[in-house]
Amino acid sequence: MQPSKRVPTSGRSAPSSHVTRIAWTLHRGRHVLAIPGTGDCGHLVDNVAAGGLRLSEDELTVLEAAHRRAS
């Protein structure tokens, strides 16, 4: 996913792709820790908000499939 694209999320306003990537990473398991770096306060706010983004099973399935295609 390109950083400027947005991923549709079941009728909710779509978060940016980097927020979606962080949320997807966190959904991989309790043993996973995402540590994104930023020098921009706005991005920091987005990164923190990603921790509260709850992805549905359908959204996770789509993201997993995209990950497998890219691997």
N, C-alpha and C. Protein backbone atom coordinates (compact mmCIF):
# COMPACT_ATOMS: atom_id res chain seq x y z
N MET A 1 0.84 -1.18 0.00
CA MET A 1 0.00 0.00 0.00
C MET A 1 0.88 1.24 0.00
N GLN A 2 0.50 2.20 -0.77
CA GLN A 2 1.21 3.47 -0.78
C GLN A 2 0.71 4.33 0.37
N PRO A 3 1.57 5.13 1.01
CA PRO A 3 1.16 5.92 2.17
C PRO A 3 -0.01 6.85 1.90
N SER A 4 -0.22 7.30 0.67
CA SER A 4 -1.29 8.25 0.41
C SER A 4 -2.64 7.58 0.19
N LYS A 5 -2.65 6.27 -0.01
CA LYS A 5 -3.91 5.56 -0.24
C LYS A 5 -4.60 5.28 1.08
N ARG A 6 -5.91 5.12 1.01
CA ARG A 6 -6.69 4.79 2.19
C ARG A 6 -7.37 3.46 1.98
N VAL A 7 -7.46 2.68 3.04
CA VAL A 7 -8.08 1.37 2.99
C VAL A 7 -9.50 1.50 3.50
N PRO A 8 -10.51 1.09 2.68
CA PRO A 8 -11.89 1.18 3.16
C PRO A 8 -12.10 0.26 4.35
N THR A 9 -12.82 0.72 5.35
CA THR A 9 -13.03 -0.07 6.56
C THR A 9 -14.51 -0.07 6.95
N SER A 10 -15.27 -0.89 6.26
CA SER A 10 -16.66 -1.16 6.61
C SER A 10 -17.51 0.08 6.89
N GLY A 11 -17.47 1.06 6.00
CA GLY A 11 -18.31 2.24 6.15
C GLY A 11 -17.75 3.30 7.06
N ARG A 12 -16.72 2.99 7.82
CA ARG A 12 -16.09 4.01 8.66
C ARG A 12 -15.24 4.88 7.75
N SER A 13 -14.87 6.08 8.24
CA SER A 13 -13.96 6.86 7.43
C SER A 13 -12.64 6.10 7.40
N ALA A 14 -12.05 6.01 6.24
CA ALA A 14 -10.88 5.17 6.06
C ALA A 14 -9.63 5.81 6.66
N PRO A 15 -8.92 5.08 7.51
CA PRO A 15 -7.66 5.60 8.04
C PRO A 15 -6.59 5.55 6.96
N SER A 16 -5.52 6.30 7.14
CA SER A 16 -4.44 6.25 6.16
C SER A 16 -3.83 4.86 6.16
N SER A 17 -3.13 4.54 5.09
CA SER A 17 -2.56 3.19 4.99
C SER A 17 -1.52 2.94 6.07
N HIS A 18 -0.76 3.97 6.49
CA HIS A 18 0.23 3.70 7.54
C HIS A 18 -0.45 3.40 8.87
N VAL A 19 -1.57 4.03 9.15
CA VAL A 19 -2.33 3.72 10.38
C VAL A 19 -2.89 2.30 10.28
N THR A 20 -3.40 1.94 9.11
CA THR A 20 -3.93 0.59 8.91
C THR A 20 -2.82 -0.44 9.07
N ARG A 21 -1.62 -0.16 8.53
CA ARG A 21 -0.51 -1.10 8.66
C ARG A 21 -0.12 -1.30 10.12
N ILE A 22 -0.10 -0.23 10.89
CA ILE A 22 0.24 -0.35 12.31
C ILE A 22 -0.83 -1.17 13.03
N ALA A 23 -2.10 -0.86 12.77
CA ALA A 23 -3.20 -1.60 13.40
C ALA A 23 -3.14 -3.09 13.03
N TRP A 24 -2.87 -3.39 11.75
CA TRP A 24 -2.76 -4.78 11.30
C TRP A 24 -1.61 -5.47 12.02
N THR A 25 -0.48 -4.79 12.13
CA THR A 25 0.68 -5.36 12.81
C THR A 25 0.32 -5.70 14.26
N LEU A 26 -0.36 -4.80 14.94
CA LEU A 26 -0.75 -5.03 16.33
C LEU A 26 -1.74 -6.19 16.47
N HIS A 27 -2.58 -6.41 15.43
CA HIS A 27 -3.55 -7.51 15.47
C HIS A 27 -2.88 -8.87 15.25
N ARG A 28 -1.62 -8.90 14.89
CA ARG A 28 -0.92 -10.16 14.63
C ARG A 28 -0.77 -10.98 15.92
N GLY A 29 -0.84 -10.34 17.07
CA GLY A 29 -0.76 -11.08 18.32
C GLY A 29 -0.27 -10.21 19.46
N ARG A 30 -0.50 -10.68 20.68
CA ARG A 30 -0.09 -9.92 21.86
C ARG A 30 1.43 -9.87 21.98
N HIS A 31 2.11 -10.76 21.28
CA HIS A 31 3.57 -10.82 21.32
C HIS A 31 4.21 -9.82 20.35
N VAL A 32 3.40 -9.10 19.56
CA VAL A 32 3.92 -8.19 18.54
C VAL A 32 3.90 -6.76 19.06
N LEU A 33 4.98 -6.06 18.78
CA LEU A 33 5.09 -4.66 19.17
C LEU A 33 5.47 -3.85 17.93
N ALA A 34 4.68 -2.85 17.61
CA ALA A 34 4.98 -1.96 16.48
C ALA A 34 5.69 -0.72 17.03
N ILE A 35 6.83 -0.39 16.45
CA ILE A 35 7.59 0.77 16.90
C ILE A 35 7.87 1.67 15.69
N PRO A 36 6.86 2.44 15.27
CA PRO A 36 7.09 3.35 14.14
C PRO A 36 7.85 4.60 14.60
N GLY A 37 8.74 5.06 13.79
CA GLY A 37 9.45 6.30 14.11
C GLY A 37 8.81 7.47 13.38
N THR A 38 8.89 8.65 13.97
CA THR A 38 8.38 9.84 13.31
C THR A 38 9.05 11.08 13.90
N GLY A 39 9.15 12.07 13.07
CA GLY A 39 9.65 13.36 13.52
C GLY A 39 8.56 14.41 13.42
N ASP A 40 7.35 13.97 13.17
CA ASP A 40 6.23 14.87 12.93
C ASP A 40 5.15 14.61 13.99
N CYS A 41 4.73 15.65 14.68
CA CYS A 41 3.72 15.49 15.76
C CYS A 41 2.41 14.93 15.23
N GLY A 42 2.00 15.34 14.05
CA GLY A 42 0.76 14.82 13.46
C GLY A 42 0.84 13.32 13.22
N HIS A 43 2.00 12.86 12.73
CA HIS A 43 2.16 11.42 12.52
C HIS A 43 2.19 10.68 13.84
N LEU A 44 2.75 11.29 14.87
CA LEU A 44 2.76 10.66 16.18
C LEU A 44 1.33 10.43 16.68
N VAL A 45 0.49 11.43 16.51
CA VAL A 45 -0.92 11.30 16.92
C VAL A 45 -1.57 10.15 16.15
N ASP A 46 -1.33 10.08 14.83
CA ASP A 46 -1.88 8.99 14.01
C ASP A 46 -1.36 7.64 14.48
N ASN A 47 -0.06 7.56 14.78
CA ASN A 47 0.53 6.29 15.22
C ASN A 47 -0.10 5.81 16.52
N VAL A 48 -0.31 6.71 17.45
CA VAL A 48 -0.94 6.35 18.72
C VAL A 48 -2.39 5.92 18.48
N ALA A 49 -3.09 6.63 17.60
CA ALA A 49 -4.49 6.29 17.30
C ALA A 49 -4.60 4.91 16.68
N ALA A 50 -3.58 4.47 15.97
CA ALA A 50 -3.61 3.15 15.33
C ALA A 50 -3.78 2.04 16.37
N GLY A 51 -3.29 2.27 17.57
CA GLY A 51 -3.44 1.28 18.63
C GLY A 51 -4.89 1.05 19.02
N GLY A 52 -5.75 2.03 18.76
CA GLY A 52 -7.17 1.89 19.08
C GLY A 52 -8.03 1.46 17.91
N LEU A 53 -7.43 1.33 16.72
CA LEU A 53 -8.18 0.93 15.54
C LEU A 53 -8.46 -0.56 15.61
N ARG A 54 -9.72 -0.93 15.61
CA ARG A 54 -10.12 -2.33 15.65
C ARG A 54 -10.55 -2.75 14.25
N LEU A 55 -9.85 -3.72 13.70
CA LEU A 55 -10.15 -4.21 12.36
C LEU A 55 -11.07 -5.42 12.47
N SER A 56 -12.04 -5.48 11.56
CA SER A 56 -12.97 -6.62 11.54
C SER A 56 -12.26 -7.85 10.97
N GLU A 57 -12.86 -9.00 11.13
CA GLU A 57 -12.30 -10.22 10.56
C GLU A 57 -12.18 -10.11 9.05
N ASP A 58 -13.18 -9.51 8.40
CA ASP A 58 -13.12 -9.32 6.94
C ASP A 58 -11.96 -8.41 6.55
N GLU A 59 -11.76 -7.33 7.28
CA GLU A 59 -10.65 -6.42 7.00
C GLU A 59 -9.31 -7.12 7.20
N LEU A 60 -9.20 -7.90 8.27
CA LEU A 60 -7.96 -8.64 8.52
C LEU A 60 -7.69 -9.65 7.41
N THR A 61 -8.74 -10.30 6.91
CA THR A 61 -8.59 -11.26 5.81
C THR A 61 -8.05 -10.58 4.57
N VAL A 62 -8.60 -9.41 4.23
CA VAL A 62 -8.14 -8.66 3.07
C VAL A 62 -6.68 -8.25 3.24
N LEU A 63 -6.32 -7.75 4.41
CA LEU A 63 -4.95 -7.32 4.66
C LEU A 63 -3.97 -8.50 4.66
N GLU A 64 -4.39 -9.64 5.22
CA GLU A 64 -3.54 -10.83 5.20
C GLU A 64 -3.28 -11.27 3.76
N ALA A 65 -4.32 -11.25 2.93
CA ALA A 65 -4.17 -11.64 1.53
C ALA A 65 -3.22 -10.69 0.80
N ALA A 66 -3.33 -9.41 1.06
CA ALA A 66 -2.43 -8.42 0.45
C ALA A 66 -0.99 -8.66 0.90
N HIS A 67 -0.82 -8.99 2.16
CA HIS A 67 0.51 -9.28 2.69
C HIS A 67 1.12 -10.50 2.01
N ARG A 68 0.31 -11.55 1.84
CA ARG A 68 0.80 -12.77 1.19
C ARG A 68 1.19 -12.49 -0.27
N ARG A 69 0.38 -11.68 -0.97
CA ARG A 69 0.70 -11.36 -2.37
C ARG A 69 1.99 -10.56 -2.47
N ALA A 70 2.25 -9.72 -1.50
CA ALA A 70 3.44 -8.85 -1.53
C ALA A 70 4.70 -9.60 -1.07
N SER A 71 4.53 -10.70 -0.40
CA SER A 71 5.69 -11.44 0.15
C SER A 71 6.36 -12.28 -0.90
